[in-house]
PDB file of N, CA and C in Angstrom:
ATOM      1  N   MET A   1     114.074 176.052  95.125  1.00  0.00           N
ATOM      2  CA  MET A   1     113.756 175.655  93.489  1.00  0.00           C
ATOM      3  C   MET A   1     112.960 174.390  93.637  1.00  0.00           C
ATOM      4  N   PHE A   2     111.875 174.383  92.744  1.00  0.00           N
ATOM      5  CA  PHE A   2     110.981 173.060  92.378  1.00  0.00           C
ATOM      6  C   PHE A   2     111.192 172.521  91.132  1.00  0.00           C
ATOM      7  N   THR A   3     111.052 171.199  90.956  1.00  0.00           N
ATOM      8  CA  THR A   3     110.696 170.984  89.376  1.00  0.00           C
ATOM      9  C   THR A   3     109.559 170.523  89.105  1.00  0.00           C
ATOM     10  N   LEU A   4     109.155 171.162  87.715  1.00  0.00           N
ATOM     11  CA  LEU A   4     107.876 170.813  87.298  1.00  0.00           C
ATOM     12  C   LEU A   4     107.845 169.538  86.722  1.00  0.00           C
ATOM     13  N   ARG A   5     107.182 168.478  87.335  1.00  0.00           N
ATOM     14  CA  ARG A   5     106.626 167.314  86.355  1.00  0.00           C
ATOM     15  C   ARG A   5     105.410 167.237  85.793  1.00  0.00           C
ATOM     16  N   LEU A   6     105.597 166.683  84.639  1.00  0.00           N
ATOM     17  CA  LEU A   6     104.556 166.561  83.859  1.00  0.00           C
ATOM     18  C   LEU A   6     103.952 165.357  83.877  1.00  0.00           C
ATOM     19  N   THR A   7     102.549 165.450  84.229  1.00  0.00           N
ATOM     20  CA  THR A   7     101.623 164.831  84.360  1.00  0.00           C
ATOM     21  C   THR A   7     101.004 163.740  83.491  1.00  0.00           C
ATOM     22  N   ASN A   8     100.944 164.544  82.265  1.00  0.00           N
ATOM     23  CA  ASN A   8     100.497 164.320  80.950  1.00  0.00           C
ATOM     24  C   ASN A   8     101.461 164.118  79.802  1.00  0.00           C
ATOM     25  N   PRO A   9     101.976 162.846  79.700  1.00  0.00           N
ATOM     26  CA  PRO A   9     103.102 163.200  78.604  1.00  0.00           C
ATOM     27  C   PRO A   9     102.648 162.800  77.141  1.00  0.00           C
ATOM     28  N   VAL A  10     101.306 162.683  77.030  1.00  0.00           N
ATOM     29  CA  VAL A  10     100.642 162.823  75.689  1.00  0.00           C
ATOM     30  C   VAL A  10     100.908 164.129  74.955  1.00  0.00           C
ATOM     31  N   THR A  11     101.237 164.291  73.738  1.00  0.00           N
ATOM     32  CA  THR A  11     101.375 165.623  73.343  1.00  0.00           C
ATOM     33  C   THR A  11     100.681 165.922  72.169  1.00  0.00           C
ATOM     34  N   ARG A  12      99.830 164.888  71.277  1.00  0.00           N
ATOM     35  CA  ARG A  12      99.148 164.725  70.183  1.00  0.00           C
ATOM     36  C   ARG A  12      98.014 166.124  70.332  1.00  0.00           C
ATOM     37  N   ARG A  13      97.508 166.371  69.304  1.00  0.00           N
ATOM     38  CA  ARG A  13      96.489 167.546  69.461  1.00  0.00           C
ATOM     39  C   ARG A  13      95.641 167.207  68.156  1.00  0.00           C
ATOM     40  N   LEU A  14      94.405 167.153  68.395  1.00  0.00           N
ATOM     41  CA  LEU A  14      93.480 167.052  67.317  1.00  0.00           C
ATOM     42  C   LEU A  14      92.264 168.014  67.239  1.00  0.00           C
ATOM     43  N   HIS A  15      92.168 168.555  65.615  1.00  0.00           N
ATOM     44  CA  HIS A  15      91.322 169.656  65.375  1.00  0.00           C
ATOM     45  C   HIS A  15      90.029 168.828  64.492  1.00  0.00           C
ATOM     46  N   ILE A  16      89.024 168.487  65.068  1.00  0.00           N
ATOM     47  CA  ILE A  16      88.199 167.998  64.641  1.00  0.00           C
ATOM     48  C   ILE A  16      87.254 169.150  64.011  1.00  0.00           C
ATOM     49  N   GLY A  17      87.171 168.933  62.539  1.00  0.00           N
ATOM     50  CA  GLY A  17      86.188 169.858  61.639  1.00  0.00           C
ATOM     51  C   GLY A  17      87.195 170.823  60.973  1.00  0.00           C
ATOM     52  N   GLY A  18      88.554 170.852  61.342  1.00  0.00           N
ATOM     53  CA  GLY A  18      89.282 171.618  61.061  1.00  0.00           C
ATOM     54  C   GLY A  18      89.598 172.128  59.390  1.00  0.00           C
ATOM     55  N   THR A  19      89.754 173.109  59.207  1.00  0.00           N
ATOM     56  CA  THR A  19      90.150 173.426  57.668  1.00  0.00           C
ATOM     57  C   THR A  19      91.395 174.226  57.453  1.00  0.00           C
ATOM     58  N   VAL A  20      92.162 174.430  58.509  1.00  0.00           N
ATOM     59  CA  VAL A  20      93.234 175.266  58.257  1.00  0.00           C
ATOM     60  C   VAL A  20      94.418 174.669  59.131  1.00  0.00           C
ATOM     61  N   VAL A  21      95.503 174.237  58.537  1.00  0.00           N
ATOM     62  CA  VAL A  21      96.799 173.562  58.770  1.00  0.00           C
ATOM     63  C   VAL A  21      97.446 174.595  59.939  1.00  0.00           C
ATOM     64  N   ARG A  22      97.642 174.158  61.191  1.00  0.00           N
ATOM     65  CA  ARG A  22      98.307 174.606  62.405  1.00  0.00           C
ATOM     66  C   ARG A  22      99.376 173.554  62.751  1.00  0.00           C
ATOM     67  N   GLU A  23     100.449 174.054  62.934  1.00  0.00           N
ATOM     68  CA  GLU A  23     101.827 173.291  63.504  1.00  0.00           C
ATOM     69  C   GLU A  23     101.384 172.754  64.621  1.00  0.00           C
ATOM     70  N   GLY A  24     101.565 171.288  64.824  1.00  0.00           N
ATOM     71  CA  GLY A  24     101.139 170.428  66.132  1.00  0.00           C
ATOM     72  C   GLY A  24     100.152 170.075  66.158  1.00  0.00           C
ATOM     73  N   TRP A  25      99.112 170.375  65.192  1.00  0.00           N
ATOM     74  CA  TRP A  25      97.628 169.587  65.431  1.00  0.00           C
ATOM     75  C   TRP A  25      97.334 168.802  64.080  1.00  0.00           C
ATOM     76  N   GLU A  26      96.676 167.686  64.268  1.00  0.00           N
ATOM     77  CA  GLU A  26      96.278 166.976  63.493  1.00  0.00           C
ATOM     78  C   GLU A  26      94.514 167.360  62.991  1.00  0.00           C
ATOM     79  N   ILE A  27      94.239 167.129  61.919  1.00  0.00           N
ATOM     80  CA  ILE A  27      93.096 167.727  61.661  1.00  0.00           C
ATOM     81  C   ILE A  27      92.229 166.271  61.042  1.00  0.00           C
ATOM     82  N   LEU A  28      90.935 166.435  61.742  1.00  0.00           N
ATOM     83  CA  LEU A  28      89.863 165.490  61.449  1.00  0.00           C
ATOM     84  C   LEU A  28      88.903 165.929  60.813  1.00  0.00           C
ATOM     85  N   ASN A  29      88.532 165.602  59.586  1.00  0.00           N
ATOM     86  CA  ASN A  29      87.222 166.017  58.657  1.00  0.00           C
ATOM     87  C   ASN A  29      86.766 164.999  57.885  1.00  0.00           C
ATOM     88  N   VAL A  30      85.488 165.535  57.655  1.00  0.00           N
ATOM     89  CA  VAL A  30      84.617 164.489  56.925  1.00  0.00           C
ATOM     90  C   VAL A  30      85.002 164.687  55.367  1.00  0.00           C
ATOM     91  N   VAL A  31      85.669 165.793  54.755  1.00  0.00           N
ATOM     92  CA  VAL A  31      85.851 165.930  53.489  1.00  0.00           C
ATOM     93  C   VAL A  31      87.330 165.535  53.461  1.00  0.00           C
ATOM     94  N   PRO A  32      87.648 164.858  52.612  1.00  0.00           N
ATOM     95  CA  PRO A  32      89.068 164.355  52.271  1.00  0.00           C
ATOM     96  C   PRO A  32      89.536 165.265  51.224  1.00  0.00           C
ATOM     97  N   GLU A  33      90.516 166.172  52.115  1.00  0.00           N
ATOM     98  CA  GLU A  33      91.288 167.364  51.147  1.00  0.00           C
ATOM     99  C   GLU A  33      92.965 167.137  51.548  1.00  0.00           C
ATOM    100  N   THR A  34      93.569 167.702  50.908  1.00  0.00           N
ATOM    101  CA  THR A  34      94.905 167.623  51.204  1.00  0.00           C
ATOM    102  C   THR A  34      95.394 167.946  52.596  1.00  0.00           C
ATOM    103  N   TRP A  35      94.886 168.904  53.012  1.00  0.00           N
ATOM    104  CA  TRP A  35      95.173 169.515  54.450  1.00  0.00           C
ATOM    105  C   TRP A  35      94.726 168.550  55.656  1.00  0.00           C
ATOM    106  N   VAL A  36      93.632 167.379  55.410  1.00  0.00           N
ATOM    107  CA  VAL A  36      93.286 166.532  56.563  1.00  0.00           C
ATOM    108  C   VAL A  36      93.864 165.507  56.486  1.00  0.00           C
ATOM    109  N   ASP A  37      94.253 165.193  57.979  1.00  0.00           N
ATOM    110  CA  ASP A  37      95.101 164.025  58.303  1.00  0.00           C
ATOM    111  C   ASP A  37      94.379 162.958  58.457  1.00  0.00           C
ATOM    112  N   HIS A  38      93.015 163.151  59.071  1.00  0.00           N
ATOM    113  CA  HIS A  38      92.337 162.019  59.184  1.00  0.00           C
ATOM    114  C   HIS A  38      90.714 162.489  58.682  1.00  0.00           C
ATOM    115  N   ILE A  39      90.512 161.279  57.786  1.00  0.00           N
ATOM    116  CA  ILE A  39      88.960 161.317  57.273  1.00  0.00           C
ATOM    117  C   ILE A  39      87.924 160.714  58.345  1.00  0.00           C
ATOM    118  N   GLY A  40      86.891 161.252  58.582  1.00  0.00           N
ATOM    119  CA  GLY A  40      86.040 160.385  59.416  1.00  0.00           C
ATOM    120  C   GLY A  40      85.120 161.640  59.956  1.00  0.00           C
ATOM    121  N   LYS A  41      83.817 161.178  60.716  1.00  0.00           N
ATOM    122  CA  LYS A  41      83.188 161.909  61.411  1.00  0.00           C
ATOM    123  C   LYS A  41      83.384 162.182  62.862  1.00  0.00           C
ATOM    124  N   ALA A  42      82.648 163.063  63.222  1.00  0.00           N
ATOM    125  CA  ALA A  42      83.406 163.642  64.796  1.00  0.00           C
ATOM    126  C   ALA A  42      82.573 162.525  65.606  1.00  0.00           C
ATOM    127  N   GLU A  43      81.695 161.691  65.311  1.00  0.00           N
ATOM    128  CA  GLU A  43      81.170 160.872  66.361  1.00  0.00           C
ATOM    129  C   GLU A  43      81.721 159.468  66.537  1.00  0.00           C
ATOM    130  N   ASP A  44      82.597 159.498  65.509  1.00  0.00           N
ATOM    131  CA  ASP A  44      83.451 158.203  65.276  1.00  0.00           C
ATOM    132  C   ASP A  44      84.824 158.314  65.231  1.00  0.00           C
ATOM    133  N   LEU A  45      85.493 158.296  66.488  1.00  0.00           N
ATOM    134  CA  LEU A  45      86.673 158.227  66.432  1.00  0.00           C
ATOM    135  C   LEU A  45      87.478 157.049  66.717  1.00  0.00           C
ATOM    136  N   SER A  46      86.891 155.676  66.196  1.00  0.00           N
ATOM    137  CA  SER A  46      87.356 154.458  66.509  1.00  0.00           C
ATOM    138  C   SER A  46      88.732 154.071  65.875  1.00  0.00           C
ATOM    139  N   GLY A  47      89.163 155.062  65.046  1.00  0.00           N
ATOM    140  CA  GLY A  47      90.765 155.017  64.580  1.00  0.00           C
ATOM    141  C   GLY A  47      91.728 155.053  65.766  1.00  0.00           C
ATOM    142  N   PHE A  48      91.166 155.828  66.669  1.00  0.00           N
ATOM    143  CA  PHE A  48      92.261 156.349  67.812  1.00  0.00           C
ATOM    144  C   PHE A  48      92.064 155.338  68.837  1.00  0.00           C
ATOM    145  N   GLU A  49      92.885 155.155  69.558  1.00  0.00           N
ATOM    146  CA  GLU A  49      93.129 154.441  70.820  1.00  0.00           C
ATOM    147  C   GLU A  49      92.627 155.411  71.794  1.00  0.00           C
ATOM    148  N   ASP A  50      91.992 154.787  72.982  1.00  0.00           N
ATOM    149  CA  ASP A  50      91.771 155.585  74.334  1.00  0.00           C
ATOM    150  C   ASP A  50      93.017 156.587  74.661  1.00  0.00           C
ATOM    151  N   ASN A  51      92.714 157.782  75.116  1.00  0.00           N
ATOM    152  CA  ASN A  51      93.801 158.710  75.752  1.00  0.00           C
ATOM    153  C   ASN A  51      94.641 158.851  74.883  1.00  0.00           C
ATOM    154  N   THR A  52      94.680 158.903  73.546  1.00  0.00           N
ATOM    155  CA  THR A  52      95.465 159.690  72.534  1.00  0.00           C
ATOM    156  C   THR A  52      95.817 160.795  72.274  1.00  0.00           C
ATOM    157  N   PHE A  53      94.846 161.821  72.648  1.00  0.00           N
ATOM    158  CA  PHE A  53      95.088 163.329  72.633  1.00  0.00           C
ATOM    159  C   PHE A  53      95.468 164.018  73.853  1.00  0.00           C
ATOM    160  N   ALA A  54      96.428 165.028  73.748  1.00  0.00           N
ATOM    161  CA  ALA A  54      96.249 165.921  75.044  1.00  0.00           C
ATOM    162  C   ALA A  54      95.390 167.131  75.038  1.00  0.00           C
ATOM    163  N   GLU A  55      95.021 167.251  73.936  1.00  0.00           N
ATOM    164  CA  GLU A  55      93.752 168.628  73.297  1.00  0.00           C
ATOM    165  C   GLU A  55      93.156 167.950  72.271  1.00  0.00           C
ATOM    166  N   VAL A  56      91.918 168.185  72.210  1.00  0.00           N
ATOM    167  CA  VAL A  56      90.968 168.295  71.125  1.00  0.00           C
ATOM    168  C   VAL A  56      90.270 169.591  71.046  1.00  0.00           C
ATOM    169  N   TYR A  57      89.973 170.130  70.020  1.00  0.00           N
ATOM    170  CA  TYR A  57      89.571 171.319  69.723  1.00  0.00           C
ATOM    171  C   TYR A  57      88.351 170.740  68.388  1.00  0.00           C
ATOM    172  N   ALA A  58      87.204 171.576  68.671  1.00  0.00           N
ATOM    173  CA  ALA A  58      86.212 171.643  67.728  1.00  0.00           C
ATOM    174  C   ALA A  58      85.443 172.902  67.607  1.00  0.00           C
ATOM    175  N   SER A  59      85.464 173.390  66.253  1.00  0.00           N
ATOM    176  CA  SER A  59      85.028 174.813  66.472  1.00  0.00           C
ATOM    177  C   SER A  59      83.792 174.568  65.215  1.00  0.00           C
ATOM    178  N   HIS A  60      82.624 175.269  65.538  1.00  0.00           N
ATOM    179  CA  HIS A  60      81.495 175.068  64.448  1.00  0.00           C
ATOM    180  C   HIS A  60      81.241 173.710  63.982  1.00  0.00           C
ATOM    181  N   VAL A  61      81.195 172.729  65.020  1.00  0.00           N
ATOM    182  CA  VAL A  61      80.704 171.338  64.588  1.00  0.00           C
ATOM    183  C   VAL A  61      79.510 170.960  65.500  1.00  0.00           C
ATOM    184  N   LEU A  62      79.552 171.258  66.768  1.00  0.00           N
ATOM    185  CA  LEU A  62      78.287 170.458  67.735  1.00  0.00           C
ATOM    186  C   LEU A  62      77.224 170.900  66.948  1.00  0.00           C
ATOM    187  N   GLU A  63      76.792 172.143  66.549  1.00  0.00           N
ATOM    188  CA  GLU A  63      75.520 172.562  65.993  1.00  0.00           C
ATOM    189  C   GLU A  63      74.993 172.044  64.717  1.00  0.00           C
ATOM    190  N   HIS A  64      76.112 171.180  64.129  1.00  0.00           N
ATOM    191  CA  HIS A  64      75.721 170.441  62.944  1.00  0.00           C
ATOM    192  C   HIS A  64      75.308 168.703  63.577  1.00  0.00           C
ATOM    193  N   LEU A  65      75.013 168.507  64.715  1.00  0.00           N
ATOM    194  CA  LEU A  65      74.956 167.236  65.012  1.00  0.00           C
ATOM    195  C   LEU A  65      73.582 166.871  65.458  1.00  0.00           C
ATOM    196  N   ASP A  66      73.106 166.094  65.169  1.00  0.00           N
ATOM    197  CA  ASP A  66      71.778 165.477  66.163  1.00  0.00           C
ATOM    198  C   ASP A  66      71.720 165.366  67.385  1.00  0.00           C
ATOM    199  N   TYR A  67      71.026 166.382  68.310  1.00  0.00           N
ATOM    200  CA  TYR A  67      70.911 166.605  69.625  1.00  0.00           C
ATOM    201  C   TYR A  67      70.646 165.287  70.647  1.00  0.00           C
ATOM    202  N   GLN A  68      70.008 164.250  70.097  1.00  0.00           N
ATOM    203  CA  GLN A  68      69.350 163.231  70.398  1.00  0.00           C
ATOM    204  C   GLN A  68      70.519 161.926  70.311  1.00  0.00           C
ATOM    205  N   SER A  69      71.048 161.888  69.017  1.00  0.00           N
ATOM    206  CA  SER A  69      71.996 160.790  68.993  1.00  0.00           C
ATOM    207  C   SER A  69      73.145 160.920  69.061  1.00  0.00           C
ATOM    208  N   THR A  70      73.569 161.775  67.539  1.00  0.00           N
ATOM    209  CA  THR A  70      74.824 162.300  67.248  1.00  0.00           C
ATOM    210  C   THR A  70      75.890 162.907  68.237  1.00  0.00           C
ATOM    211  N   LEU A  71      75.517 164.000  68.836  1.00  0.00           N
ATOM    212  CA  LEU A  71      75.677 164.819  69.872  1.00  0.00           C
ATOM    213  C   LEU A  71      76.236 163.816  70.934  1.00  0.00           C
ATOM    214  N   PRO A  72      75.766 163.307  71.817  1.00  0.00           N
ATOM    215  CA  PRO A  72      76.009 162.630  72.735  1.00  0.00           C
ATOM    216  C   PRO A  72      77.151 161.371  72.285  1.00  0.00           C
ATOM    217  N   ALA A  73      77.031 160.840  70.937  1.00  0.00           N
ATOM    218  CA  ALA A  73      77.932 159.754  70.780  1.00  0.00           C
ATOM    219  C   ALA A  73      79.219 160.735  70.341  1.00  0.00           C
ATOM    220  N   ALA A  74      79.332 161.689  69.951  1.00  0.00           N
ATOM    221  CA  ALA A  74      80.731 162.512  69.585  1.00  0.00           C
ATOM    222  C   ALA A  74      81.038 162.895  71.010  1.00  0.00           C
ATOM    223  N   LEU A  75      80.256 163.377  71.859  1.00  0.00           N
ATOM    224  CA  LEU A  75      80.989 163.852  73.109  1.00  0.00           C
ATOM    225  C   LEU A  75      81.466 162.748  73.990  1.00  0.00           C
ATOM    226  N   LYS A  76      80.845 161.649  73.820  1.00  0.00           N
ATOM    227  CA  LYS A  76      81.389 160.280  74.659  1.00  0.00           C
ATOM    228  C   LYS A  76      82.817 160.061  73.748  1.00  0.00           C
ATOM    229  N   GLU A  77      82.591 160.164  72.371  1.00  0.00           N
ATOM    230  CA  GLU A  77      84.110 159.851  71.697  1.00  0.00           C
ATOM    231  C   GLU A  77      85.133 160.501  72.112  1.00  0.00           C
ATOM    232  N   TRP A  78      85.099 162.169  71.923  1.00  0.00           N
ATOM    233  CA  TRP A  78      85.777 163.198  72.421  1.00  0.00           C
ATOM    234  C   TRP A  78      86.492 162.465  73.759  1.00  0.00           C
ATOM    235  N   HIS A  79      85.755 162.520  74.876  1.00  0.00           N
ATOM    236  CA  HIS A  79      86.140 162.382  76.100  1.00  0.00           C
ATOM    237  C   HIS A  79      86.966 160.790  75.980  1.00  0.00           C
ATOM    238  N   ARG A  80      86.768 159.866  75.165  1.00  0.00           N
ATOM    239  CA  ARG A  80      87.547 158.688  75.267  1.00  0.00           C
ATOM    240  C   ARG A  80      88.583 159.191  74.554  1.00  0.00           C
ATOM    241  N   VAL A  81      88.884 159.731  73.718  1.00  0.00           N
ATOM    242  CA  VAL A  81      90.421 159.841  73.019  1.00  0.00           C
ATOM    243  C   VAL A  81      91.249 160.992  73.766  1.00  0.00           C
ATOM    244  N   LEU A  82      90.417 161.723  74.820  1.00  0.00           N
ATOM    245  CA  LEU A  82      91.620 162.659  75.186  1.00  0.00           C
ATOM    246  C   LEU A  82      91.886 162.133  76.289  1.00  0.00           C
ATOM    247  N   ALA A  83      93.335 162.315  76.593  1.00  0.00           N
ATOM    248  CA  ALA A  83      94.179 161.595  77.634  1.00  0.00           C
ATOM    249  C   ALA A  83      93.727 162.458  79.030  1.00  0.00           C
ATOM    250  N   PRO A  84      93.794 161.400  79.973  1.00  0.00           N
ATOM    251  CA  PRO A  84      93.557 162.124  81.323  1.00  0.00           C
ATOM    252  C   PRO A  84      94.668 163.558  81.617  1.00  0.00           C
ATOM    253  N   GLU A  85      93.531 164.365  82.084  1.00  0.00           N
ATOM    254  CA  GLU A  85      94.387 165.916  82.366  1.00  0.00           C
ATOM    255  C   GLU A  85      94.375 166.761  81.165  1.00  0.00           C
ATOM    256  N   GLY A  86      93.716 165.910  80.185  1.00  0.00           N
ATOM    257  CA  GLY A  86      93.720 166.665  78.618  1.00  0.00           C
ATOM    258  C   GLY A  86      92.727 167.618  78.710  1.00  0.00           C
ATOM    259  N   ARG A  87      92.622 168.541  77.398  1.00  0.00           N
ATOM    260  CA  ARG A  87      91.813 169.593  77.594  1.00  0.00           C
ATOM    261  C   ARG A  87      90.896 169.554  76.254  1.00  0.00           C
ATOM    262  N   LEU A  88      89.972 169.652  76.375  1.00  0.00           N
ATOM    263  CA  LEU A  88      88.581 169.819  75.281  1.00  0.00           C
ATOM    264  C   LEU A  88      88.168 170.911  75.185  1.00  0.00           C
ATOM    265  N   MET A  89      88.408 171.949  74.106  1.00  0.00           N
ATOM    266  CA  MET A  89      88.065 173.224  73.854  1.00  0.00           C
ATOM    267  C   MET A  89      86.879 173.068  72.606  1.00  0.00           C
ATOM    268  N   VAL A  90      85.962 174.056  72.695  1.00  0.00           N
ATOM    269  CA  VAL A  90      84.850 173.728  72.181  1.00  0.00           C
ATOM    270  C   VAL A  90      84.151 175.272  71.591  1.00  0.00           C
ATOM    271  N   SER A  91      84.087 175.260  70.435  1.00  0.00           N
ATOM    272  CA  SER A  91      83.267 176.790  69.908  1.00  0.00           C
ATOM    273  C   SER A  91      82.324 176.935  69.033  1.00  0.00           C
ATOM    274  N   VAL A  92      81.154 177.233  69.622  1.00  0.00           N
ATOM    275  CA  VAL A  92      79.785 177.249  68.763  1.00  0.00           C
ATOM    276  C   VAL A  92      79.651 178.658  68.391  1.00  0.00           C
ATOM    277  N   PRO A  93      78.746 178.852  67.475  1.00  0.00           N
ATOM    278  CA  PRO A  93      78.393 180.261  67.402  1.00  0.00           C
ATOM    279  C   PRO A  93      77.249 180.862  68.415  1.00  0.00           C
ATOM    280  N   ASP A  94      77.329 181.879  68.556  1.00  0.00           N
ATOM    281  CA  ASP A  94      76.487 182.574  69.550  1.00  0.00           C
ATOM    282  C   ASP A  94      75.513 183.572  68.609  1.00  0.00           C
ATOM    283  N   LEU A  95      74.328 182.803  68.209  1.00  0.00           N
ATOM    284  CA  LEU A  95      73.545 183.479  67.182  1.00  0.00           C
ATOM    285  C   LEU A  95      73.231 184.842  67.584  1.00  0.00           C
ATOM    286  N   GLY A  96      72.747 184.829  69.183  1.00  0.00           N
ATOM    287  CA  GLY A  96      72.292 186.382  69.298  1.00  0.00           C
ATOM    288  C   GLY A  96      73.310 187.304  69.137  1.00  0.00           C
ATOM    289  N   THR A  97      74.228 187.027  69.656  1.00  0.00           N
ATOM    290  CA  THR A  97      75.535 188.271  69.389  1.00  0.00           C
ATOM    291  C   THR A  97      75.750 188.548  68.378  1.00  0.00           C
ATOM    292  N   LEU A  98      75.377 187.508  67.226  1.00  0.00           N
ATOM    293  CA  LEU A  98      75.965 187.534  65.850  1.00  0.00           C
ATOM    294  C   LEU A  98      74.612 188.477  65.180  1.00  0.00           C
ATOM    295  N   CYS A  99      73.555 188.170  65.466  1.00  0.00           N
ATOM    296  CA  CYS A  99      72.215 188.713  64.764  1.00  0.00           C
ATOM    297  C   CYS A  99      72.522 190.180  65.213  1.00  0.00           C
ATOM    298  N   LYS A 100      72.841 190.507  66.418  1.00  0.00           N
ATOM    299  CA  LYS A 100      72.831 191.958  67.167  1.00  0.00           C
ATOM    300  C   LYS A 100      73.797 192.669  66.066  1.00  0.00           C
ATOM    301  N   LEU A 101      75.151 192.209  66.007  1.00  0.00           N
ATOM    302  CA  LEU A 101      76.306 192.880  64.981  1.00  0.00           C
ATOM    303  C   LEU A 101      75.659 192.787  63.519  1.00  0.00           C
ATOM    304  N   TYR A 102      75.133 191.895  63.156  1.00  0.00           N
ATOM    305  CA  TYR A 102      74.876 191.902  61.744  1.00  0.00           C
ATOM    306  C   TYR A 102      73.524 193.048  61.309  1.00  0.00           C
ATOM    307  N   SER A 103      72.985 193.561  62.550  1.00  0.00           N
ATOM    308  CA  SER A 103      71.909 194.391  62.527  1.00  0.00           C
ATOM    309  C   SER A 103      72.374 195.750  62.678  1.00  0.00           C
ATOM    310  N   GLN A 104      73.498 195.904  62.479  1.00  0.00           N
ATOM    311  CA  GLN A 104      74.044 197.263  62.939  1.00  0.00           C
ATOM    312  C   GLN A 104      74.886 197.562  61.588  1.00  0.00           C
ATOM    313  N   GLN A 105      74.168 197.830  60.383  1.00  0.00           N
ATOM    314  CA  GLN A 105      74.090 197.614  59.304  1.00  0.00           C
ATOM    315  C   GLN A 105      74.679 199.262  58.702  1.00  0.00           C
ATOM    316  N   HIS A 106      74.747 200.212  59.655  1.00  0.00           N
ATOM    317  CA  HIS A 106      75.469 201.613  59.571  1.00  0.00           C
ATOM    318  C   HIS A 106      76.571 201.498  59.809  1.00  0.00           C
ATOM    319  N   SER A 107      77.319 200.617  60.655  1.00  0.00           N
ATOM    320  CA  SER A 107      78.360 200.491  61.091  1.00  0.00           C
ATOM    321  C   SER A 107      79.223 199.597  60.551  1.00  0.00           C
ATOM    322  N   LEU A 108      78.797 198.807  59.526  1.00  0.00           N
ATOM    323  CA  LEU A 108      79.502 197.616  59.176  1.00  0.00           C
ATOM    324  C   LEU A 108      79.811 197.801  57.627  1.00  0.00           C
ATOM    325  N   THR A 109      81.102 197.318  57.300  1.00  0.00           N
ATOM    326  CA  THR A 109      81.441 197.512  55.923  1.00  0.00           C
ATOM    327  C   THR A 109      80.817 195.950  55.235  1.00  0.00           C
ATOM    328  N   PRO A 110      80.214 195.998  54.078  1.00  0.00           N
ATOM    329  CA  PRO A 110      79.921 194.848  53.451  1.00  0.00           C
ATOM    330  C   PRO A 110      80.803 193.505  53.436  1.00  0.00           C
ATOM    331  N   GLU A 111      82.020 193.813  53.914  1.00  0.00           N
ATOM    332  CA  GLU A 111      83.027 192.823  54.329  1.00  0.00           C
ATOM    333  C   GLU A 111      82.903 192.233  55.575  1.00  0.00           C
ATOM    334  N   ASP A 112      82.485 192.937  56.501  1.00  0.00           N
ATOM    335  CA  ASP A 112      82.009 193.038  57.930  1.00  0.00           C
ATOM    336  C   ASP A 112      80.894 191.800  57.968  1.00  0.00           C
ATOM    337  N   ARG A 113      79.640 192.628  57.213  1.00  0.00           N
ATOM    338  CA  ARG A 113      78.637 191.507  57.200  1.00  0.00           C
ATOM    339  C   ARG A 113      78.668 190.320  56.776  1.00  0.00           C
ATOM    340  N   TYR A 114      79.481 190.086  55.398  1.00  0.00           N
ATOM    341  CA  TYR A 114      79.878 188.990  55.034  1.00  0.00           C
ATOM    342  C   TYR A 114      80.307 187.882  55.944  1.00  0.00           C
ATOM    343  N   ASN A 115      81.365 188.421  56.612  1.00  0.00           N
ATOM    344  CA  ASN A 115      82.414 187.321  57.659  1.00  0.00           C
ATOM    345  C   ASN A 115      81.074 187.176  58.883  1.00  0.00           C
ATOM    346  N   ILE A 116      80.386 187.824  59.416  1.00  0.00           N
ATOM    347  CA  ILE A 116      79.453 187.663  60.259  1.00  0.00           C
ATOM    348  C   ILE A 116      78.377 186.648  59.634  1.00  0.00           C
ATOM    349  N   MET A 117      77.909 186.785  58.455  1.00  0.00           N
ATOM    350  CA  MET A 117      77.183 185.670  57.932  1.00  0.00           C
ATOM    351  C   MET A 117      78.067 184.602  57.768  1.00  0.00           C
ATOM    352  N   ARG A 118      79.093 184.300  57.497  1.00  0.00           N
ATOM    353  CA  ARG A 118      80.154 183.123  57.491  1.00  0.00           C
ATOM    354  C   ARG A 118      80.071 182.500  58.623  1.00  0.00           C
ATOM    355  N   MET A 119      79.872 183.333  59.940  1.00  0.00           N
ATOM    356  CA  MET A 119      80.084 182.840  61.231  1.00  0.00           C
ATOM    357  C   MET A 119      78.769 182.025  61.605  1.00  0.00           C
ATOM    358  N   MET A 120      77.618 182.697  61.276  1.00  0.00           N
ATOM    359  CA  MET A 120      76.247 182.174  61.541  1.00  0.00           C
ATOM    360  C   MET A 120      76.175 180.855  60.745  1.00  0.00           C
ATOM    361  N   PHE A 121      76.644 180.762  59.294  1.00  0.00           N
ATOM    362  CA  PHE A 121      76.263 179.641  58.491  1.00  0.00           C
ATOM    363  C   PHE A 121      77.205 178.544  58.488  1.00  0.00           C
ATOM    364  N   TRP A 122      78.320 179.084  58.977  1.00  0.00           N
ATOM    365  CA  TRP A 122      79.642 178.236  58.626  1.00  0.00           C
ATOM    366  C   TRP A 122      79.924 178.127  57.153  1.00  0.00           C
ATOM    367  N   TRP A 123      80.307 179.154  56.408  1.00  0.00           N
ATOM    368  CA  TRP A 123      80.757 179.185  55.298  1.00  0.00           C
ATOM    369  C   TRP A 123      82.201 179.037  55.383  1.00  0.00           C
ATOM    370  N   PRO A 124      82.919 177.973  54.839  1.00  0.00           N
ATOM    371  CA  PRO A 124      84.336 177.896  54.682  1.00  0.00           C
ATOM    372  C   PRO A 124      85.105 178.803  53.954  1.00  0.00           C
ATOM    373  N   GLY A 125      84.741 179.143  52.788  1.00  0.00           N
ATOM    374  CA  GLY A 125      85.226 179.903  52.060  1.00  0.00           C
ATOM    375  C   GLY A 125      85.340 181.465  51.993  1.00  0.00           C
TER     376      GLY A 125
END
């Protein structure tokens, strides 16, 4: 028999750009809404200490950042607030695949096409 020893006692989790409340996750968003825990930009996490989060998740955020200045700053900040042995999860749209799916008009319902367009252009509603 063996004992599993947790090497990372940090349990906080941050969803950057989140719009849906999930148990155990704190939401950071630039838009002040009732479901937002922290108002701020993805590239400025100065409100958090180093090694604050066990997990950081960002979906449809990176493609909105300037590649020469804001993107490197954001990645640096995400790394800074991520605890050692923490996990960074990033999702960005695969435009090539979405275009192929969207072009299959004969096999898609209007709702399917609408949802694909939402993924392409990140329409939250």
